[in-house]
Amino acid sequence: MTEFFDRIVQDLREQSPEMLEAGIAPTVRRHVTGASNGIAGLLIDTIALMGRIIPKLVEELEEGTRGELSEYPTRRPDRAVPSRHCSDYAKSGESLVPALWIKHEEISNPPESPLRWLLHLIDRLQQALAPAARRHEDVVAQLLAVRKGGYGWAQEDEPRLLRRSREFRSSSITLERCRSAIAVSAGCRLRPLTRRPKEFPNGEAWSRLRRLLPRIEEPMGTPSELAQHLLGGKADLPDLPFLYQRWCGLQIHRILVDSGFECRGDVTASLFGAGILRYTARDSWLELWIDPRLLAGKKHRSGWTCVGANEATPDLMILVPGPSGPDAFILDPTLSTSEDTLSAKGKYLDWLGSYDLGVVAGVPTAARPPLRSWAIAPLRSPTCKVLDQADPSGRIGVLPLHPEAPGRSALKAFLRDIIEHAHAWGRQASVANFTR
């Protein structure tokens, strides 16, 4: 299971380190240590550390170039001040006059190359912070929409995500303060320099910065640091079943894009949960809904509703054009390989239906059920399996999808049916609108 977990984590991290955040997952491990938990917490902690060390770095540079005090007897030089020692005064007539003047001789400003290189490091952190903060705000926006539906876990996660929003804003302010400190020290605005200074400055703070460089070069965490962060219980990490669901959604997204569909939406934010990804290709479209919550008697934004229970939340729901409106295909990932558990995923055929009734020969009929309700399981089989052999339409089945298995032939075959369905009915709808 360790290799299974490692492969999922690696794949999600390649897409975006934020894919490993808890997001608004319904189940997360809550044993948290450290100041800023979560994967983005590594970035926030690094920026906080940078904010504390920058003033010391600038101070050590200035100490190496600080001016000296020069003494001038009798005659007063320009911009000099009299000595404060009583012995440095002499009597002239009835008055005491300074016999020694002191002037601060400036040697030079701090060298520019270390300061310009610090600006480059600050830019690196800002480039990592901006998209992370933007995606987080997308997640918060989804959360505020989801919590209206009554998700208990969404309401529980709201304080944590709003606290993270404040941490992102604080990190941005910290980076701006670092830039200001460098500009004040240099006496002017400098351009960043990507090359490390040939003569690396001496000093305790600069030695500490040298040790900090790997974290700045990998702001969201080095692979070893990330593994320790995840497996050491230092993060609000989604349970493995939810990580597997997110990974399955990512595989679906990649195959749809490879098949010619253009994605509209933020993949990372949507896969956190309760999101939607919209795809378009030629004269057709496709929607991938993640954790949609459908309530009995209420029309969901997807146009579907719950008909066989009080509520239903399929993991993944794919909508495509159909003859009487959007048709639905349900995929429910699970780590179980028990055939009873896999067959039970067919429950959405009875639980879900289109909110608008179907029409046959101009007569309204019952709500249309999904065309398929399949399980996704970590099996190594290269082909899908229909679980109800008596049903020629194959409405219940299992789609094998294992992180360590080469290729995605089973998933590609399943999605090929959906894509052909989308193109066929999408094209007919376009022709009907054109000839109407």
Protein backbone atom coordinates (compact mmCIF):
# COMPACT_ATOMS: atom_id res chain seq x y z
CA MET A 1 0.00 0.00 0.00
CA THR A 2 2.98 2.29 0.58
CA GLU A 3 3.98 2.16 -3.11
CA PHE A 4 0.32 2.68 -4.06
CA PHE A 5 0.18 5.77 -1.83
CA ASP A 6 3.55 7.10 -3.02
CA ARG A 7 2.56 6.83 -6.68
CA ILE A 8 -0.69 8.73 -6.10
CA VAL A 9 1.11 11.45 -4.13
CA GLN A 10 3.78 11.76 -6.82
CA ASP A 11 1.22 12.02 -9.63
CA LEU A 12 -0.88 14.61 -7.82
CA ARG A 13 2.19 16.62 -6.88
CA GLU A 14 3.37 16.73 -10.51
CA GLN A 15 0.05 18.35 -11.40
CA SER A 16 0.27 20.78 -8.48
CA PRO A 17 1.55 20.45 -4.89
CA GLU A 18 -1.74 21.98 -3.80
CA MET A 19 -3.50 18.82 -4.98
CA LEU A 20 -2.29 17.29 -1.72
CA GLU A 21 -4.05 19.89 0.40
CA ALA A 22 -7.06 18.75 2.38
CA GLY A 23 -9.24 21.23 0.49
CA ILE A 24 -12.85 20.68 1.53
CA ALA A 25 -12.58 16.91 1.70
CA PRO A 26 -15.28 15.22 3.77
CA THR A 27 -12.70 13.12 5.65
CA VAL A 28 -9.30 14.34 6.75
CA ARG A 29 -6.77 13.32 9.37
CA ARG A 30 -6.82 15.93 12.10
CA HIS A 31 -3.58 15.09 13.98
CA VAL A 32 -1.73 18.31 13.23
CA THR A 33 1.56 19.64 14.53
CA GLY A 34 3.54 22.73 13.65
CA ALA A 35 2.49 26.28 12.92
CA SER A 36 1.11 26.19 9.38
CA ASN A 37 -0.22 22.76 8.40
CA GLY A 38 -0.92 21.55 4.90
CA ILE A 39 1.34 21.53 1.87
CA ALA A 40 0.93 25.26 1.26
CA GLY A 41 2.01 25.65 4.87
CA LEU A 42 5.55 24.82 3.75
CA LEU A 43 5.49 27.87 1.49
CA ILE A 44 3.95 30.09 4.16
CA ASP A 45 6.52 28.97 6.73
CA THR A 46 9.37 29.62 4.29
CA ILE A 47 8.12 33.16 3.59
CA ALA A 48 7.78 33.83 7.33
CA LEU A 49 11.35 32.65 7.87
CA MET A 50 12.52 34.83 4.98
CA GLY A 51 10.76 37.81 6.51
CA ARG A 52 12.65 37.30 9.78
CA ILE A 53 16.06 36.79 8.19
CA ILE A 54 16.05 39.62 5.57
CA PRO A 55 16.61 42.45 8.12
CA LYS A 56 19.57 40.55 9.56
CA LEU A 57 21.03 39.93 6.10
CA VAL A 58 20.80 43.63 5.27
CA GLU A 59 22.26 44.57 8.65
CA GLU A 60 25.28 42.32 8.16
CA LEU A 61 25.89 43.81 4.72
CA GLU A 62 25.71 47.34 6.11
CA GLU A 63 28.10 46.47 8.94
CA GLY A 64 30.68 45.42 6.39
CA THR A 65 30.47 48.81 4.65
CA ARG A 66 29.71 51.10 7.61
CA GLY A 67 31.58 54.41 7.68
CA GLU A 68 34.28 55.41 10.19
CA LEU A 69 34.49 58.35 12.56
CA SER A 70 37.29 60.79 11.70
CA GLU A 71 38.60 63.44 14.09
CA TYR A 72 39.56 66.98 13.02
CA PRO A 73 41.34 69.26 15.52
CA THR A 74 40.49 72.98 15.75
CA ARG A 75 39.09 73.90 12.33
CA ARG A 76 35.49 72.82 11.65
CA PRO A 77 35.05 70.71 8.48
CA ASP A 78 31.77 70.52 6.52
CA ARG A 79 28.96 68.51 8.10
CA ALA A 80 30.99 67.92 11.27
CA VAL A 81 29.73 68.09 14.85
CA PRO A 82 31.63 69.12 17.98
CA SER A 83 32.96 66.46 20.31
CA ARG A 84 30.90 65.72 23.40
CA HIS A 85 33.89 65.26 25.68
CA CYS A 86 34.66 68.12 28.06
CA SER A 87 38.38 67.71 27.51
CA ASP A 88 37.92 68.53 23.81
CA TYR A 89 36.91 72.13 24.57
CA ALA A 90 39.25 75.12 25.03
CA LYS A 91 38.77 78.62 26.47
CA SER A 92 38.75 81.47 23.98
CA GLY A 93 38.36 84.76 25.77
CA GLU A 94 35.28 84.47 27.94
CA SER A 95 33.87 81.47 26.02
CA LEU A 96 34.50 77.75 25.62
CA VAL A 97 34.87 76.62 22.02
CA PRO A 98 35.26 73.10 20.64
CA ALA A 99 38.82 72.12 19.90
CA LEU A 100 37.82 68.84 18.23
CA TRP A 101 35.22 68.19 15.54
CA ILE A 102 33.88 64.77 14.55
CA LYS A 103 32.66 63.78 11.09
CA HIS A 104 31.18 60.46 9.87
CA GLU A 105 33.09 59.40 6.77
CA GLU A 106 30.98 57.21 4.46
CA ILE A 107 33.02 54.52 2.73
CA SER A 108 30.37 53.14 0.33
CA ASN A 109 26.86 51.74 0.08
CA PRO A 110 26.29 48.00 0.61
CA PRO A 111 27.30 45.97 -2.48
CA GLU A 112 24.41 45.68 -4.93
CA SER A 113 24.85 42.10 -6.14
CA PRO A 114 23.85 40.39 -2.84
CA LEU A 115 20.85 42.72 -2.51
CA ARG A 116 19.79 42.11 -6.12
CA TRP A 117 20.10 38.36 -5.57
CA LEU A 118 17.88 38.61 -2.48
CA LEU A 119 15.26 40.31 -4.66
CA HIS A 120 15.44 37.32 -7.01
CA LEU A 121 14.78 34.93 -4.10
CA ILE A 122 11.83 37.07 -3.01
CA ASP A 123 10.46 36.93 -6.58
CA ARG A 124 10.75 33.13 -6.52
CA LEU A 125 8.62 32.99 -3.40
CA GLN A 126 6.11 35.49 -4.84
CA GLN A 127 5.76 33.41 -8.03
CA ALA A 128 4.86 30.39 -5.92
CA LEU A 129 2.60 32.34 -3.58
CA ALA A 130 0.41 34.06 -6.19
CA PRO A 131 -1.09 30.93 -7.86
CA ALA A 132 -1.38 29.14 -4.52
CA ALA A 133 -3.35 32.05 -3.05
CA ARG A 134 -5.52 32.34 -6.18
CA ARG A 135 -6.42 28.64 -6.13
CA HIS A 136 -7.11 28.82 -2.42
CA GLU A 137 -9.57 31.66 -2.96
CA ASP A 138 -11.30 29.52 -5.60
CA VAL A 139 -11.62 26.74 -3.02
CA VAL A 140 -13.03 29.17 -0.45
CA ALA A 141 -15.55 30.45 -3.00
CA GLN A 142 -16.64 26.87 -3.68
CA LEU A 143 -16.84 26.22 0.05
CA LEU A 144 -19.15 29.17 0.63
CA ALA A 145 -21.41 27.88 -2.13
CA VAL A 146 -21.31 24.29 -0.87
CA ARG A 147 -21.98 25.07 2.81
CA LYS A 148 -25.35 26.55 1.81
CA GLY A 149 -26.39 23.03 0.87
CA GLY A 150 -25.81 21.79 4.39
CA TYR A 151 -22.54 19.88 4.10
CA GLY A 152 -21.40 19.40 7.68
CA TRP A 153 -17.77 18.91 6.68
CA ALA A 154 -17.83 22.12 4.63
CA GLN A 155 -19.01 24.09 7.64
CA GLU A 156 -16.30 22.51 9.81
CA ASP A 157 -13.57 23.37 7.31
CA GLU A 158 -14.63 27.00 6.85
CA PRO A 159 -12.61 28.44 9.81
CA ARG A 160 -9.47 26.56 8.75
CA LEU A 161 -9.66 27.73 5.15
CA LEU A 162 -10.42 31.32 6.10
CA ARG A 163 -7.45 31.26 8.46
CA ARG A 164 -5.30 30.07 5.57
CA SER A 165 -6.60 33.01 3.49
CA ARG A 166 -5.33 35.38 6.17
CA GLU A 167 -1.98 33.60 6.16
CA PHE A 168 -1.69 34.07 2.39
CA ARG A 169 -2.39 37.79 2.72
CA SER A 170 0.11 38.09 5.57
CA SER A 171 2.75 36.30 3.45
CA SER A 172 2.23 38.77 0.61
CA ILE A 173 2.71 41.68 3.02
CA THR A 174 5.87 40.05 4.37
CA LEU A 175 7.41 39.85 0.90
CA GLU A 176 6.61 43.52 0.24
CA ARG A 177 8.29 44.50 3.49
CA CYS A 178 11.36 42.51 2.47
CA ARG A 179 11.53 44.43 -0.81
CA SER A 180 11.18 47.74 1.03
CA ALA A 181 14.00 46.87 3.44
CA ILE A 182 16.31 46.12 0.52
CA ALA A 183 15.38 49.35 -1.30
CA VAL A 184 16.04 51.42 1.83
CA SER A 185 19.43 49.77 2.31
CA ALA A 186 20.45 50.30 -1.33
CA GLY A 187 19.13 53.85 -1.45
CA CYS A 188 17.36 53.10 -4.72
CA ARG A 189 15.25 50.48 -6.45
CA LEU A 190 17.25 47.53 -7.76
CA ARG A 191 16.63 44.89 -10.39
CA PRO A 192 16.69 41.23 -9.36
CA LEU A 193 19.84 39.25 -10.18
CA THR A 194 19.46 35.52 -10.82
CA ARG A 195 23.16 34.70 -10.35
CA ARG A 196 24.42 34.04 -6.86
CA PRO A 197 27.09 36.60 -5.77
CA LYS A 198 30.61 35.49 -6.65
CA GLU A 199 31.77 36.52 -3.20
CA PHE A 200 29.12 35.18 -0.87
CA PRO A 201 28.81 37.55 2.11
CA ASN A 202 30.06 36.40 5.49
CA GLY A 203 27.93 36.42 8.58
CA GLU A 204 25.66 34.23 10.66
CA ALA A 205 22.49 35.27 8.81
CA TRP A 206 24.06 34.66 5.40
CA SER A 207 25.20 31.20 6.49
CA ARG A 208 21.65 30.48 7.57
CA LEU A 209 20.36 31.67 4.20
CA ARG A 210 22.70 29.23 2.45
CA ARG A 211 21.05 26.39 4.38
CA LEU A 212 17.59 27.78 3.52
CA LEU A 213 18.18 27.83 -0.26
CA PRO A 214 16.70 24.34 -1.00
CA ARG A 215 13.39 25.44 0.54
CA ILE A 216 13.36 28.62 -1.53
CA GLU A 217 14.19 26.76 -4.74
CA GLU A 218 11.32 24.31 -3.99
CA PRO A 219 8.87 26.66 -2.22
CA MET A 220 6.14 24.03 -1.93
CA GLY A 221 8.57 21.52 -0.41
CA THR A 222 11.38 19.29 -1.62
CA PRO A 223 10.38 15.65 -2.30
CA SER A 224 11.97 14.41 0.94
CA GLU A 225 10.51 17.28 2.96
CA LEU A 226 7.10 16.72 1.38
CA ALA A 227 7.13 13.01 2.20
CA GLN A 228 8.08 13.75 5.79
CA HIS A 229 5.38 16.43 5.96
CA LEU A 230 2.71 14.04 4.69
CA LEU A 231 3.66 10.77 6.33
CA GLY A 232 4.81 12.39 9.57
CA GLY A 233 1.31 13.63 10.32
CA LYS A 234 2.19 17.31 10.01
CA ALA A 235 -0.55 18.13 7.53
CA ASP A 236 -4.31 18.14 7.21
CA LEU A 237 -4.07 15.35 4.67
CA PRO A 238 -7.12 13.79 3.01
CA ASP A 239 -7.60 10.12 3.77
CA LEU A 240 -6.28 7.74 1.12
CA PRO A 241 -9.76 7.00 -0.35
CA PHE A 242 -10.26 10.71 -1.03
CA LEU A 243 -6.75 11.05 -2.51
CA TYR A 244 -7.56 8.12 -4.77
CA GLN A 245 -10.81 9.80 -5.85
CA ARG A 246 -8.91 13.02 -6.64
CA TRP A 247 -6.30 11.03 -8.56
CA CYS A 248 -9.05 9.29 -10.59
CA GLY A 249 -10.54 12.67 -11.46
CA LEU A 250 -7.13 13.85 -12.63
CA GLN A 251 -6.76 10.81 -14.92
CA ILE A 252 -10.18 11.52 -16.46
CA HIS A 253 -9.20 15.15 -17.03
CA ARG A 254 -5.95 14.20 -18.76
CA ILE A 255 -7.62 11.73 -21.12
CA LEU A 256 -10.35 14.22 -22.04
CA VAL A 257 -7.74 16.85 -22.86
CA ASP A 258 -5.75 14.32 -24.91
CA SER A 259 -8.98 13.49 -26.76
CA GLY A 260 -9.33 17.06 -28.02
CA PHE A 261 -11.49 18.63 -25.32
CA GLU A 262 -10.60 22.09 -24.04
CA CYS A 263 -10.98 22.48 -20.30
CA ARG A 264 -12.55 25.59 -18.78
CA GLY A 265 -11.88 25.96 -15.08
CA ASP A 266 -9.16 25.43 -12.52
CA VAL A 267 -8.40 21.72 -12.32
CA THR A 268 -6.71 21.94 -8.93
CA ALA A 269 -9.46 23.95 -7.26
CA SER A 270 -12.26 21.84 -8.75
CA LEU A 271 -10.74 18.51 -7.73
CA PHE A 272 -10.56 19.69 -4.12
CA GLY A 273 -14.22 18.73 -4.00
CA ALA A 274 -17.65 20.07 -4.86
CA GLY A 275 -16.29 21.63 -8.05
CA ILE A 276 -17.03 21.43 -11.75
CA LEU A 277 -14.88 21.22 -14.86
CA ARG A 278 -16.41 22.14 -18.21
CA TYR A 279 -15.01 20.85 -21.51
CA THR A 280 -15.79 21.82 -25.09
CA ALA A 281 -14.77 20.21 -28.38
CA ARG A 282 -16.03 21.00 -31.85
CA ASP A 283 -19.84 21.08 -31.59
CA SER A 284 -20.15 19.24 -28.29
CA TRP A 285 -19.54 19.69 -24.57
CA LEU A 286 -18.95 17.67 -21.40
CA GLU A 287 -19.13 18.48 -17.68
CA LEU A 288 -17.30 16.71 -14.87
CA TRP A 289 -18.94 17.30 -11.48
CA ILE A 290 -16.98 16.41 -8.33
CA ASP A 291 -18.99 15.47 -5.23
CA PRO A 292 -22.26 17.12 -6.31
CA ARG A 293 -24.82 17.03 -3.49
CA LEU A 294 -28.28 16.30 -4.85
CA LEU A 295 -31.29 16.70 -2.58
CA ALA A 296 -34.69 15.11 -3.01
CA GLY A 297 -37.18 17.40 -4.74
CA LYS A 298 -34.62 20.14 -5.42
CA LYS A 299 -33.02 20.93 -8.74
CA HIS A 300 -29.24 20.83 -8.59
CA ARG A 301 -27.19 23.23 -10.71
CA SER A 302 -26.41 20.27 -12.95
CA GLY A 303 -30.11 19.88 -13.78
CA TRP A 304 -30.34 16.60 -11.86
CA THR A 305 -31.93 15.67 -8.55
CA CYS A 306 -32.20 12.86 -5.99
CA VAL A 307 -35.26 10.67 -6.55
CA GLY A 308 -34.68 7.50 -4.50
CA ALA A 309 -33.37 8.86 -1.20
CA ASN A 310 -33.22 12.05 0.83
CA GLU A 311 -29.89 12.99 -0.72
CA ALA A 312 -27.09 11.52 -2.80
CA THR A 313 -23.48 12.56 -3.42
CA PRO A 314 -21.78 10.61 -6.22
CA ASP A 315 -18.01 11.07 -6.32
CA LEU A 316 -17.83 11.87 -10.03
CA MET A 317 -20.72 12.69 -12.37
CA ILE A 318 -20.16 13.23 -16.09
CA LEU A 319 -22.85 15.06 -18.06
CA VAL A 320 -23.02 15.09 -21.86
CA PRO A 321 -25.68 16.04 -24.45
CA GLY A 322 -28.49 13.52 -24.82
CA PRO A 323 -31.71 13.11 -26.82
CA SER A 324 -33.94 14.53 -24.04
CA GLY A 325 -31.44 16.72 -22.25
CA PRO A 326 -28.09 16.07 -20.54
CA ASP A 327 -27.33 12.40 -19.89
CA ALA A 328 -25.37 11.35 -16.80
CA PHE A 329 -22.61 8.80 -16.28
CA ILE A 330 -21.63 8.09 -12.65
CA LEU A 331 -18.20 6.93 -11.52
CA ASP A 332 -17.63 6.15 -7.84
CA PRO A 333 -14.00 5.36 -6.86
CA THR A 334 -13.41 2.92 -4.01
CA LEU A 335 -10.38 1.11 -2.60
CA SER A 336 -12.44 -2.02 -2.06
CA THR A 337 -12.24 -4.88 -4.56
CA SER A 338 -15.18 -6.82 -3.11
CA GLU A 339 -17.71 -7.57 -5.83
CA ASP A 340 -20.59 -6.81 -3.44
CA THR A 341 -19.14 -3.35 -2.74
CA LEU A 342 -18.51 -2.73 -6.42
CA SER A 343 -22.03 -3.81 -7.39
CA ALA A 344 -23.47 -1.53 -4.72
CA LYS A 345 -22.15 1.47 -6.68
CA GLY A 346 -25.07 0.87 -9.06
CA LYS A 347 -27.34 2.45 -6.43
CA TYR A 348 -27.21 5.78 -8.26
CA LEU A 349 -29.31 4.31 -11.05
CA ASP A 350 -32.19 4.31 -8.54
CA TRP A 351 -31.15 7.36 -6.53
CA LEU A 352 -30.57 9.95 -9.27
CA GLY A 353 -32.74 11.32 -12.03
CA SER A 354 -33.08 14.32 -14.30
CA TYR A 355 -35.11 17.10 -12.68
CA ASP A 356 -36.95 17.78 -15.94
CA LEU A 357 -39.11 14.82 -16.95
CA GLY A 358 -38.38 12.97 -20.13
CA VAL A 359 -40.72 13.36 -23.07
CA VAL A 360 -41.89 10.49 -25.31
CA ALA A 361 -44.19 11.34 -28.26
CA GLY A 362 -44.93 14.67 -26.60
CA VAL A 363 -45.94 13.01 -23.34
CA PRO A 364 -43.96 13.71 -20.10
CA THR A 365 -42.57 10.54 -18.55
CA ALA A 366 -40.57 9.73 -15.44
CA ALA A 367 -37.23 11.33 -14.65
CA ARG A 368 -34.39 9.87 -16.68
CA PRO A 369 -31.86 7.82 -14.63
CA PRO A 370 -28.11 7.87 -15.34
CA LEU A 371 -27.02 5.75 -18.28
CA ARG A 372 -24.29 4.07 -16.21
CA SER A 373 -23.29 3.89 -12.55
CA TRP A 374 -19.90 2.22 -12.30
CA ALA A 375 -17.30 1.73 -9.63
CA ILE A 376 -13.62 2.58 -10.07
CA ALA A 377 -11.33 0.21 -8.18
CA PRO A 378 -7.53 -0.26 -7.96
CA LEU A 379 -7.51 -3.46 -9.99
CA ARG A 380 -4.74 -4.34 -12.47
CA SER A 381 -7.03 -5.69 -15.18
CA PRO A 382 -6.58 -4.01 -18.59
CA THR A 383 -10.31 -4.18 -19.39
CA CYS A 384 -13.56 -3.06 -17.80
CA LYS A 385 -16.02 -5.57 -16.36
CA VAL A 386 -19.83 -5.49 -16.59
CA LEU A 387 -21.24 -6.74 -13.29
CA ASP A 388 -24.84 -7.33 -14.38
CA GLN A 389 -24.60 -9.79 -17.23
CA ALA A 390 -28.39 -9.79 -17.64
CA ASP A 391 -28.32 -6.09 -18.56
CA PRO A 392 -27.19 -5.72 -22.19
CA SER A 393 -26.66 -1.96 -21.75
CA GLY A 394 -23.98 -2.54 -19.10
CA ARG A 395 -25.34 0.00 -16.68
CA ILE A 396 -23.43 -1.45 -13.69
CA GLY A 397 -19.77 -2.35 -13.87
CA VAL A 398 -16.27 -1.77 -12.56
CA LEU A 399 -13.50 0.27 -14.17
CA PRO A 400 -10.01 -0.92 -13.11
CA LEU A 401 -7.62 1.98 -12.42
CA HIS A 402 -4.41 1.26 -10.54
CA PRO A 403 -1.60 3.83 -10.14
CA GLU A 404 1.11 1.24 -10.70
CA ALA A 405 -0.52 -0.41 -13.74
CA PRO A 406 0.87 0.77 -17.10
CA GLY A 407 -1.48 2.56 -19.47
CA ARG A 408 -5.07 3.58 -18.93
CA SER A 409 -6.74 1.34 -21.53
CA ALA A 410 -9.84 0.58 -19.44
CA LEU A 411 -10.48 4.23 -18.60
CA LYS A 412 -9.88 5.26 -22.21
CA ALA A 413 -12.40 2.66 -23.42
CA PHE A 414 -15.02 3.86 -20.92
CA LEU A 415 -14.51 7.51 -21.79
CA ARG A 416 -14.53 6.71 -25.53
CA ASP A 417 -18.19 5.62 -25.19
CA ILE A 418 -19.04 8.87 -23.38
CA ILE A 419 -17.17 11.03 -25.91
CA GLU A 420 -18.90 9.34 -28.86
CA HIS A 421 -22.25 9.84 -27.12
CA ALA A 422 -21.45 13.51 -26.54
CA HIS A 423 -20.38 14.12 -30.14
CA ALA A 424 -23.38 12.25 -31.59
CA TRP A 425 -26.06 14.11 -29.64
CA GLY A 426 -24.16 17.38 -29.51
CA ARG A 427 -23.92 17.39 -33.31
CA GLN A 428 -27.65 16.62 -33.68
CA ALA A 429 -28.52 19.44 -31.29
CA SER A 430 -26.37 21.82 -33.36
CA VAL A 431 -28.08 20.74 -36.59
CA ALA A 432 -31.53 21.12 -34.98
CA ASN A 433 -30.70 24.64 -33.79
CA PHE A 434 -29.34 25.54 -37.22
CA THR A 435 -32.41 24.32 -39.13
CA ARG A 436 -34.97 25.59 -36.61
